[in-house]
Protein backbone atom coordinates (compact mmCIF):
# COMPACT_ATOMS: atom_id res chain seq x y z
CA MET A 1 42.48 -13.91 126.59
CA LYS A 2 39.12 -13.26 128.48
CA LEU A 3 40.64 -10.47 130.18
CA LYS A 4 42.34 -9.10 127.14
CA LEU A 5 38.73 -8.91 125.26
CA SER A 6 37.18 -7.46 128.48
CA VAL A 7 39.89 -4.70 128.54
CA ILE A 8 39.41 -3.69 124.94
CA GLY A 9 35.75 -3.99 125.34
CA VAL A 10 35.90 -1.41 128.18
CA ILE A 11 38.15 0.77 126.38
CA VAL A 12 36.07 0.66 123.06
CA MET A 13 33.05 1.31 125.50
CA THR A 14 34.58 4.19 127.22
CA THR A 15 35.88 5.83 124.02
CA THR A 16 32.74 5.43 122.45
CA GLY A 17 31.01 7.01 125.40
CA LEU A 18 33.05 10.00 125.45
CA ILE A 19 32.59 10.65 121.81
CA GLY A 20 29.06 10.26 122.00
CA CYS A 21 28.96 12.56 125.10
CA LYS A 22 30.75 15.12 123.18
CA SER A 23 28.89 18.56 123.50
CA THR A 24 27.93 19.86 120.17
CA PRO A 25 28.53 23.68 119.56
CA LYS A 26 25.24 25.59 119.93
CA THR A 27 23.99 28.02 117.44
CA PRO A 28 23.75 31.58 119.02
CA ALA A 29 20.52 32.98 119.68
CA PRO A 30 19.68 35.93 117.12
CA PRO A 31 20.16 39.36 118.92
CA ALA A 32 17.02 40.99 120.20
CA GLY A 33 15.65 43.86 117.93
CA PRO A 34 16.09 44.14 114.14
CA THR A 35 18.90 42.12 112.43
CA PRO A 36 21.61 43.91 110.73
CA ALA A 37 20.13 42.68 107.51
CA ALA A 38 16.90 44.15 108.40
CA VAL A 39 18.49 47.87 109.03
CA SER A 40 19.45 49.77 105.95
CA LYS A 41 22.90 51.11 105.88
CA ASN A 42 21.84 53.53 103.15
CA ALA A 43 20.61 57.10 103.80
CA GLY A 44 17.23 57.88 104.31
CA PRO A 45 14.58 59.55 106.32
CA LEU A 46 14.93 59.46 110.15
CA PRO A 47 11.96 57.59 111.86
CA ALA A 48 9.34 59.60 113.38
CA GLU A 49 10.64 59.08 116.76
CA GLY A 50 14.03 60.19 115.45
CA PHE A 51 13.08 64.23 115.07
CA LYS A 52 13.87 65.27 118.46
CA ALA A 53 16.71 67.77 119.41
CA GLU A 54 17.72 70.19 122.14
CA ILE A 55 19.40 73.30 120.75
CA SER A 56 21.20 76.00 123.02
CA LEU A 57 23.18 79.24 121.96
CA ALA A 58 25.91 80.36 124.53
CA ASP A 59 25.89 83.92 123.37
CA PRO A 60 22.66 84.85 121.52
CA PRO A 61 22.76 88.10 119.55
CA SER A 62 20.22 90.88 120.68
CA LYS A 63 21.04 93.14 117.80
CA LEU A 64 22.20 93.05 114.30
CA ARG A 65 22.51 95.21 111.35
CA ALA A 66 20.22 94.73 108.38
CA GLY A 67 21.87 92.01 106.19
CA GLN A 68 24.70 91.34 108.77
CA VAL A 69 26.22 87.88 108.32
CA GLU A 70 27.16 86.14 111.89
CA VAL A 71 28.45 82.94 113.14
CA LEU A 72 26.91 81.53 116.17
CA ASN A 73 28.13 78.84 118.10
CA VAL A 74 25.42 76.51 118.89
CA LYS A 75 25.28 73.16 121.06
CA VAL A 76 23.08 70.46 119.35
CA ARG A 77 21.86 67.29 121.58
CA ASN A 78 20.47 64.39 120.21
CA ALA A 79 17.24 63.79 122.36
CA SER A 80 15.84 61.00 120.49
CA ASN A 81 16.55 57.17 120.59
CA ALA A 82 17.72 57.22 116.87
CA ILE A 83 21.22 57.56 115.61
CA TRP A 84 21.63 60.82 113.65
CA TRP A 85 24.22 59.74 110.78
CA GLN A 86 26.07 62.84 109.75
CA ARG A 87 25.14 62.26 106.09
CA GLY A 88 21.68 60.70 106.87
CA GLY A 89 22.96 57.04 106.85
CA GLU A 90 26.16 54.97 107.18
CA LEU A 91 26.31 55.26 103.34
CA ASN A 92 25.22 58.05 101.06
CA ASP A 93 26.28 58.14 97.47
CA ARG A 94 24.08 60.80 96.61
CA SER A 95 25.85 64.11 95.05
CA ASP A 96 23.21 66.33 97.01
CA ASN A 97 22.76 66.83 100.63
CA THR A 98 19.43 65.13 100.86
CA PHE A 99 19.12 63.24 104.28
CA TYR A 100 22.11 65.17 105.80
CA ILE A 101 21.29 66.44 109.56
CA ALA A 102 21.88 69.77 109.79
CA ALA A 103 21.30 72.78 112.51
CA GLY A 104 19.44 75.74 110.82
CA ASN A 105 17.61 79.00 111.27
CA ARG A 106 14.67 80.57 110.15
CA TRP A 107 13.36 84.20 110.54
CA LEU A 108 9.96 84.73 112.30
CA ASP A 109 8.23 88.02 112.17
CA GLN A 110 7.27 89.71 115.67
CA ASP A 111 4.02 87.88 115.63
CA GLY A 112 6.02 84.56 115.35
CA LYS A 113 5.20 84.07 111.60
CA GLN A 114 7.75 82.42 109.46
CA THR A 115 9.16 84.83 106.57
CA SER A 116 10.86 84.30 103.39
CA GLU A 117 14.24 85.71 104.93
CA THR A 118 17.45 84.00 104.38
CA GLU A 119 18.13 80.43 105.98
CA GLY A 120 21.29 79.39 107.45
CA HIS A 121 22.37 75.62 107.27
CA ASN A 122 25.24 73.70 108.37
CA GLY A 123 25.38 69.98 108.80
CA ILE A 124 26.50 68.08 112.22
CA PRO A 125 30.10 67.68 112.21
CA LYS A 126 29.79 63.93 113.33
CA ASP A 127 27.33 61.11 113.65
CA LEU A 128 25.49 61.60 117.08
CA LYS A 129 23.97 58.67 119.20
CA PRO A 130 21.02 59.09 121.27
CA GLY A 131 22.12 61.50 124.23
CA GLU A 132 25.10 62.59 122.47
CA GLU A 133 26.05 66.48 121.65
CA THR A 134 28.20 68.61 119.79
CA GLU A 135 29.02 72.16 119.37
CA MET A 136 29.05 73.60 115.94
CA PRO A 137 29.31 77.01 113.94
CA LEU A 138 26.05 78.19 112.44
CA GLN A 139 26.28 81.12 109.86
CA ILE A 140 22.97 83.60 109.86
CA THR A 141 22.20 86.31 107.91
CA ALA A 142 19.99 89.06 109.47
CA PRO A 143 16.94 89.90 107.58
CA LYS A 144 17.18 93.29 105.10
CA THR A 145 14.27 95.07 106.80
CA PRO A 146 15.01 96.62 110.19
CA GLY A 147 12.57 95.84 113.01
CA ASP A 148 12.06 93.13 115.84
CA TRP A 149 12.52 89.93 114.58
CA ILE A 150 12.72 86.26 116.17
CA LEU A 151 15.61 83.96 115.26
CA ASN A 152 14.32 80.36 115.44
CA LEU A 153 17.07 77.74 115.58
CA ASP A 154 15.99 74.21 114.93
CA MET A 155 17.54 70.89 113.19
CA VAL A 156 16.57 69.82 109.65
CA GLN A 157 17.01 66.71 107.90
CA GLU A 158 17.61 68.07 104.55
CA GLY A 159 14.84 67.27 101.60
CA VAL A 160 12.76 65.36 104.72
CA ALA A 161 11.47 68.06 107.25
CA TRP A 162 12.48 70.54 109.96
CA PHE A 163 12.37 68.87 113.27
CA GLY A 164 10.27 71.65 114.96
CA ASP A 165 7.56 70.79 112.44
CA LYS A 166 7.72 67.21 113.61
CA GLY A 167 7.05 68.54 117.40
CA SER A 168 10.63 68.91 118.61
CA PRO A 169 11.33 72.17 120.36
CA THR A 170 13.37 74.97 118.92
CA THR A 171 15.21 77.73 120.40
CA LYS A 172 13.85 81.48 119.84
CA VAL A 173 15.51 84.47 120.42
CA LYS A 174 14.31 87.89 119.90
CA VAL A 175 16.58 90.01 117.78
CA THR A 176 16.38 93.75 116.90
CA VAL A 177 17.64 94.52 113.32
CA VAL A 178 18.84 98.03 112.64
CA LYS A 179 20.01 99.95 109.54
């Protein structure tokens, strides 16, 4: 009987010990940086450091006719550390283009001053992560007045700012406009 009680005691103690030694699941440490709840998925302005781009033009025009409409093929690279959401955010329920990211152009006179000539804008065709690039068309309209002009290619977050106004380099091309 003593042996039977001893064996039962050992079994109970071993089972209790094993149950007590069970590892409890650990709660994972929160990820470094902002938590998903802290980052808005809604469209909005880029952070200040998000306004950095590189734009190149494979075949820049040197001469255009006054008022001529031309489609250029531009290459755009996200040189910032922020994601450029095509529509300005993962979610955008706005009915206008506010916060969209686009390539655009402005015309400068021969002294480098901005003019009121027609601008061209075209939204990026996809979201761009830092370092990613894409090629895209950009329709431009030559100034109506013949002369020497500067075609200034830049990125813009619609309704927020031109990237060049935030310190990003732009691409400038001298263009002669003829009648």
